[in-house]
Amino acid sequence: MSKRKFESGMLSELDQEKLIRRLHKKVWAVQEDFGLIEAGDKVMVCLSGGKDSYTMLDMLLHVQKSRQHDFDIIAVNLDQKQPGFPEEVLPNYLTNLGVDFRIVERDTYSVVVDKVPEGKTMCSLCSRLRRGILYTTAEELGATKIALGHHREDVLETFFLNMFFSGKLEAMPAKYRTDDGKHVVIRPLAYCKEEDIIQYAELKQFPIIPCNLCGSQPNMQRKVIKQMMKQWEQQFPDRTEIMLTALKNVSPSHLFDKDIFDFEELVSKVGRVDEFVP
């Protein structure tokens, strides 16, 4: 791994403690705001082998050990049969950690490679296939919650992608019910900074498994958005956090969606009346 100024070996013991406390605080905050986990839940933690999902598992184990919420955890990895995928890494890691797990084997890699024309982005099809398999697995396991490892930057990148390319204001919610009503999906890292997760993964020395499918594709729009946000953050520090805060402060009366605000009666359709701001 390349040397970086925030590499774990260059963090003081105090900085390491601050990092861990910061992540814990953010996870507890999103738990308090959205009630992600409830007593009696069986949380299926989707573990890809990347920094985000390893960190998410650690954070949920921390919440579990706090005993504020009595719930079970089962880690699930979808082996998509990508060439060179190290099949032994996750079973060994989870066994040593003492976490219950299941490895689901499905050759979605061949399907994606066959269906997606050369040069086109594979993410959409790959994501749909993966999502369907994970939902089926959650049902088989009796999981009440499905935990995904998306972080703050993922949430905002999705917001901008939807706004710029799909013409809608939509991000990644911290908690939602699937369209068929069968599953509740949660994102415990929704408030966590990606940079903190990178530092934490290096500190913990997780056995990272790189994605050789979607992550290696050049010119993806998400990468363009990520670079845009990085430039903004460099020019205006803390802008990313301000943008996340904006997602919590929505004024339907100041937008143009007639489905959520009645502009004839000047009454919100989502259960509240917006105050007039001159």
Protein backbone atom coordinates (compact mmCIF):
# COMPACT_ATOMS: atom_id res chain seq x y z
CA MET A 1 0.00 0.00 0.00
CA SER A 2 1.38 3.42 -0.90
CA LYS A 3 2.67 5.75 1.78
CA ARG A 4 0.19 8.46 2.68
CA LYS A 5 0.29 11.16 5.31
CA PHE A 6 -2.60 9.53 7.17
CA GLU A 7 -1.21 6.00 7.04
CA SER A 8 -1.90 4.23 10.35
CA GLY A 9 1.80 3.90 11.17
CA MET A 10 2.09 7.69 11.07
CA LEU A 11 -0.90 8.34 13.32
CA SER A 12 -0.13 8.94 16.96
CA GLU A 13 -1.90 6.85 19.55
CA LEU A 14 -4.01 9.88 20.43
CA ASP A 15 -4.97 10.41 16.77
CA GLN A 16 -5.91 6.75 16.46
CA GLU A 17 -8.20 7.06 19.47
CA LYS A 18 -9.76 10.21 18.01
CA LEU A 19 -10.35 8.44 14.70
CA ILE A 20 -12.11 5.51 16.35
CA ARG A 21 -14.22 7.80 18.54
CA ARG A 22 -15.15 9.90 15.51
CA LEU A 23 -16.40 6.88 13.59
CA HIS A 24 -18.26 5.53 16.59
CA LYS A 25 -19.90 8.92 17.12
CA LYS A 26 -21.07 9.12 13.49
CA VAL A 27 -22.50 5.60 13.55
CA TRP A 28 -24.34 6.26 16.80
CA ALA A 29 -25.65 9.53 15.34
CA VAL A 30 -27.20 7.86 12.29
CA GLN A 31 -28.58 5.13 14.55
CA GLU A 32 -30.22 7.77 16.75
CA ASP A 33 -31.54 9.79 13.80
CA PHE A 34 -33.08 6.90 11.89
CA GLY A 35 -33.45 3.97 14.29
CA LEU A 36 -31.48 1.64 12.03
CA ILE A 37 -31.33 -1.26 14.48
CA GLU A 38 -33.97 -2.42 16.93
CA ALA A 39 -34.05 -5.03 19.64
CA GLY A 40 -34.44 -8.52 18.19
CA ASP A 41 -33.10 -7.64 14.76
CA LYS A 42 -31.06 -10.07 12.70
CA VAL A 43 -28.75 -7.85 10.67
CA MET A 44 -27.32 -9.26 7.46
CA VAL A 45 -24.03 -7.40 6.92
CA CYS A 46 -23.10 -7.38 3.24
CA LEU A 47 -19.35 -7.92 3.20
CA SER A 48 -17.54 -7.40 -0.10
CA GLY A 49 -13.99 -7.44 1.21
CA GLY A 50 -13.53 -3.71 0.65
CA LYS A 51 -12.60 -1.07 3.24
CA ASP A 52 -16.18 0.15 3.66
CA SER A 53 -17.81 -3.19 4.43
CA TYR A 54 -15.02 -4.25 6.81
CA THR A 55 -15.40 -0.96 8.67
CA MET A 56 -19.18 -1.33 8.75
CA LEU A 57 -18.88 -4.78 10.29
CA ASP A 58 -16.51 -3.46 12.96
CA MET A 59 -18.85 -0.57 13.76
CA LEU A 60 -21.87 -2.86 14.06
CA LEU A 61 -19.92 -5.21 16.34
CA HIS A 62 -19.14 -2.15 18.48
CA VAL A 63 -22.85 -1.27 18.65
CA GLN A 64 -23.69 -4.88 19.47
CA LYS A 65 -21.12 -5.02 22.29
CA SER A 66 -22.53 -1.86 23.83
CA ARG A 67 -25.63 -3.93 24.68
CA GLN A 68 -27.87 -0.94 24.08
CA HIS A 69 -29.54 -3.00 21.37
CA ASP A 70 -29.89 -6.78 21.55
CA PHE A 71 -29.49 -7.99 17.97
CA ASP A 72 -27.74 -10.66 15.93
CA ILE A 73 -25.22 -10.24 13.10
CA ILE A 74 -24.57 -12.51 10.16
CA ALA A 75 -22.04 -11.50 7.51
CA VAL A 76 -22.80 -12.43 3.91
CA ASN A 77 -20.40 -12.34 0.98
CA LEU A 78 -21.46 -12.81 -2.60
CA ASP A 79 -18.73 -14.61 -4.52
CA GLN A 80 -19.46 -13.42 -8.07
CA LYS A 81 -16.76 -15.68 -9.55
CA GLN A 82 -14.51 -12.89 -10.71
CA PRO A 83 -11.20 -14.27 -11.98
CA GLY A 84 -8.58 -14.37 -9.28
CA PHE A 85 -11.03 -13.81 -6.41
CA PRO A 86 -9.29 -15.10 -3.22
CA GLU A 87 -12.04 -17.35 -1.87
CA GLU A 88 -10.27 -18.13 1.40
CA VAL A 89 -9.77 -14.56 2.65
CA LEU A 90 -13.22 -13.76 4.04
CA PRO A 91 -13.98 -17.20 5.56
CA ASN A 92 -10.63 -17.11 7.37
CA TYR A 93 -11.12 -13.54 8.55
CA LEU A 94 -14.69 -14.07 9.80
CA THR A 95 -13.86 -17.38 11.47
CA ASN A 96 -11.00 -15.76 13.38
CA LEU A 97 -13.30 -12.88 14.30
CA GLY A 98 -15.96 -15.27 15.58
CA VAL A 99 -18.69 -13.83 13.36
CA ASP A 100 -21.41 -16.03 11.87
CA PHE A 101 -21.29 -15.88 8.08
CA ARG A 102 -22.45 -17.30 4.79
CA ILE A 103 -20.68 -17.27 1.42
CA VAL A 104 -23.10 -17.20 -1.52
CA GLU A 105 -21.64 -18.34 -4.84
CA ARG A 106 -23.22 -17.02 -8.05
CA ASP A 107 -21.46 -16.49 -11.37
CA THR A 108 -22.76 -12.99 -12.09
CA TYR A 109 -19.37 -12.03 -13.49
CA SER A 110 -19.89 -14.04 -16.69
CA VAL A 111 -23.41 -12.61 -17.11
CA VAL A 112 -22.19 -9.02 -16.80
CA VAL A 113 -19.25 -9.51 -19.14
CA ASP A 114 -21.52 -11.21 -21.69
CA LYS A 115 -24.36 -8.67 -21.56
CA VAL A 116 -22.50 -5.34 -21.28
CA PRO A 117 -20.84 -4.07 -24.49
CA GLU A 118 -17.13 -3.39 -24.32
CA GLY A 119 -16.43 0.10 -23.03
CA LYS A 120 -19.80 0.46 -21.29
CA THR A 121 -20.19 0.76 -17.52
CA MET A 122 -20.90 -2.56 -15.83
CA CYS A 123 -22.10 -1.14 -12.51
CA SER A 124 -25.83 -0.95 -13.23
CA LEU A 125 -26.33 -4.57 -14.30
CA CYS A 126 -23.87 -5.89 -11.74
CA SER A 127 -25.65 -3.98 -8.98
CA ARG A 128 -29.10 -5.25 -10.00
CA LEU A 129 -27.95 -8.86 -10.09
CA ARG A 130 -26.14 -8.56 -6.78
CA ARG A 131 -29.07 -6.83 -5.11
CA GLY A 132 -31.53 -9.54 -6.17
CA ILE A 133 -29.30 -12.32 -4.85
CA LEU A 134 -28.72 -10.53 -1.54
CA TYR A 135 -32.44 -9.93 -1.05
CA THR A 136 -33.15 -13.61 -1.66
CA THR A 137 -30.40 -14.57 0.78
CA ALA A 138 -31.79 -12.21 3.43
CA GLU A 139 -35.18 -13.90 3.11
CA GLU A 140 -33.62 -17.36 3.43
CA LEU A 141 -31.71 -16.30 6.55
CA GLY A 142 -34.68 -14.56 8.15
CA ALA A 143 -32.75 -11.29 8.31
CA THR A 144 -34.79 -8.29 9.43
CA LYS A 145 -32.25 -5.71 8.24
CA ILE A 146 -29.76 -5.65 5.35
CA ALA A 147 -26.72 -3.48 6.10
CA LEU A 148 -24.79 -1.85 3.25
CA GLY A 149 -21.46 -0.05 3.60
CA HIS A 150 -22.10 3.21 1.75
CA HIS A 151 -20.49 6.25 3.37
CA ARG A 152 -21.04 10.02 3.29
CA GLU A 153 -19.34 10.58 -0.05
CA ASP A 154 -21.31 7.72 -1.66
CA VAL A 155 -24.54 9.37 -0.51
CA LEU A 156 -23.61 12.76 -1.98
CA GLU A 157 -22.14 11.38 -5.20
CA THR A 158 -25.43 9.56 -5.79
CA PHE A 159 -27.34 12.78 -5.14
CA PHE A 160 -25.35 14.67 -7.78
CA LEU A 161 -25.49 11.79 -10.27
CA ASN A 162 -29.28 11.71 -9.99
CA MET A 163 -29.56 15.48 -10.27
CA PHE A 164 -27.15 15.90 -13.19
CA PHE A 165 -28.04 12.79 -15.22
CA SER A 166 -31.51 11.64 -14.13
CA GLY A 167 -33.27 14.91 -13.41
CA LYS A 168 -34.34 14.02 -9.87
CA LEU A 169 -33.41 14.92 -6.30
CA GLU A 170 -32.57 11.58 -4.75
CA ALA A 171 -29.65 10.32 -2.68
CA MET A 172 -28.96 7.10 -0.78
CA PRO A 173 -31.23 6.98 2.29
CA ALA A 174 -29.85 5.79 5.61
CA LYS A 175 -32.86 3.48 5.94
CA TYR A 176 -35.53 2.38 3.50
CA ARG A 177 -37.94 -0.41 2.68
CA THR A 178 -37.52 -2.22 -0.64
CA ASP A 179 -40.17 -1.77 -3.32
CA ASP A 180 -41.69 -5.18 -2.65
CA GLY A 181 -42.00 -4.34 1.04
CA LYS A 182 -40.07 -7.42 2.13
CA HIS A 183 -36.78 -5.93 3.31
CA VAL A 184 -35.43 -2.99 5.29
CA VAL A 185 -32.02 -1.75 4.12
CA ILE A 186 -29.77 0.31 6.39
CA ARG A 187 -26.54 2.27 5.85
CA PRO A 188 -24.73 2.60 9.20
CA LEU A 189 -21.81 4.54 7.65
CA ALA A 190 -24.00 7.19 5.98
CA TYR A 191 -22.52 9.98 8.15
CA CYS A 192 -18.92 8.69 8.05
CA LYS A 193 -16.23 10.40 5.98
CA GLU A 194 -14.50 8.23 3.41
CA GLU A 195 -11.11 9.54 4.53
CA ASP A 196 -11.81 8.33 8.07
CA ILE A 197 -12.75 4.91 6.73
CA ILE A 198 -9.52 4.75 4.71
CA GLN A 199 -7.50 5.58 7.81
CA TYR A 200 -9.41 3.05 9.90
CA ALA A 201 -8.94 0.28 7.33
CA GLU A 202 -5.20 0.94 7.32
CA LEU A 203 -5.11 1.05 11.11
CA LYS A 204 -6.93 -2.29 11.36
CA GLN A 205 -4.99 -3.81 8.43
CA PHE A 206 -8.07 -5.39 6.92
CA PRO A 207 -7.34 -8.03 4.24
CA ILE A 208 -8.72 -5.90 1.40
CA ILE A 209 -10.02 -7.69 -1.70
CA PRO A 210 -9.89 -5.34 -4.71
CA CYS A 211 -12.77 -5.26 -7.20
CA ASN A 212 -11.48 -6.05 -10.68
CA LEU A 213 -14.82 -5.48 -12.39
CA CYS A 214 -16.50 -2.09 -11.88
CA GLY A 215 -13.82 -0.40 -9.80
CA SER A 216 -11.26 -0.59 -12.57
CA GLN A 217 -13.38 1.03 -15.28
CA PRO A 218 -12.15 4.45 -16.45
CA ASN A 219 -14.33 7.48 -17.19
CA MET A 220 -17.17 6.45 -14.90
CA GLN A 221 -19.45 9.38 -14.13
CA ARG A 222 -19.20 8.61 -10.41
CA LYS A 223 -15.44 9.14 -10.60
CA VAL A 224 -16.01 12.51 -12.28
CA ILE A 225 -18.41 13.53 -9.52
CA LYS A 226 -15.97 12.32 -6.85
CA GLN A 227 -13.22 14.48 -8.34
CA MET A 228 -15.57 17.48 -8.47
CA MET A 229 -16.42 17.07 -4.80
CA LYS A 230 -12.77 16.65 -3.87
CA GLN A 231 -11.90 19.91 -5.61
CA TRP A 232 -14.74 21.69 -3.82
CA GLU A 233 -13.57 20.34 -0.47
CA GLN A 234 -10.02 21.50 -1.11
CA GLN A 235 -11.18 24.98 -2.04
CA PHE A 236 -13.86 25.23 0.64
CA PRO A 237 -13.11 22.93 3.61
CA ASP A 238 -16.14 21.28 5.23
CA ARG A 239 -18.34 21.86 2.17
CA THR A 240 -19.04 18.12 1.98
CA GLU A 241 -20.43 18.09 5.52
CA ILE A 242 -22.56 21.14 4.73
CA MET A 243 -23.99 19.38 1.67
CA LEU A 244 -24.88 16.35 3.79
CA THR A 245 -26.62 18.66 6.26
CA ALA A 246 -28.61 20.11 3.35
CA LEU A 247 -30.14 16.68 2.72
CA LYS A 248 -31.73 16.92 6.18
CA ASN A 249 -33.20 20.38 5.54
CA VAL A 250 -35.63 20.12 2.64
CA SER A 251 -38.23 22.82 1.91
CA PRO A 252 -40.90 21.32 -0.38
CA SER A 253 -42.54 24.73 -0.89
CA HIS A 254 -39.33 26.03 -2.42
CA LEU A 255 -39.03 23.29 -5.01
CA PHE A 256 -41.27 22.35 -7.95
CA ASP A 257 -42.61 18.92 -7.02
CA LYS A 258 -46.41 19.06 -6.99
CA ASP A 259 -46.55 15.53 -5.58
CA ILE A 260 -45.16 16.65 -2.23
CA PHE A 261 -46.55 20.21 -2.04
CA ASP A 262 -49.95 21.60 -2.98
CA PHE A 263 -49.14 24.93 -4.62
CA GLU A 264 -52.82 25.86 -4.96
CA GLU A 265 -53.62 25.47 -1.28
CA LEU A 266 -50.01 26.18 -0.21
CA VAL A 267 -50.04 23.09 1.98
CA SER A 268 -47.49 20.31 2.20
CA LYS A 269 -48.66 16.87 1.09
CA VAL A 270 -46.23 15.16 3.44
CA GLY A 271 -47.93 16.12 6.68
CA ARG A 272 -46.82 19.66 7.40
CA VAL A 273 -47.52 23.21 6.27
CA ASP A 274 -44.48 25.08 5.05
CA GLU A 275 -44.11 28.57 6.42
CA PHE A 276 -44.03 31.37 3.91
CA VAL A 277 -40.60 32.92 3.52
CA PRO A 278 -40.73 36.34 1.84
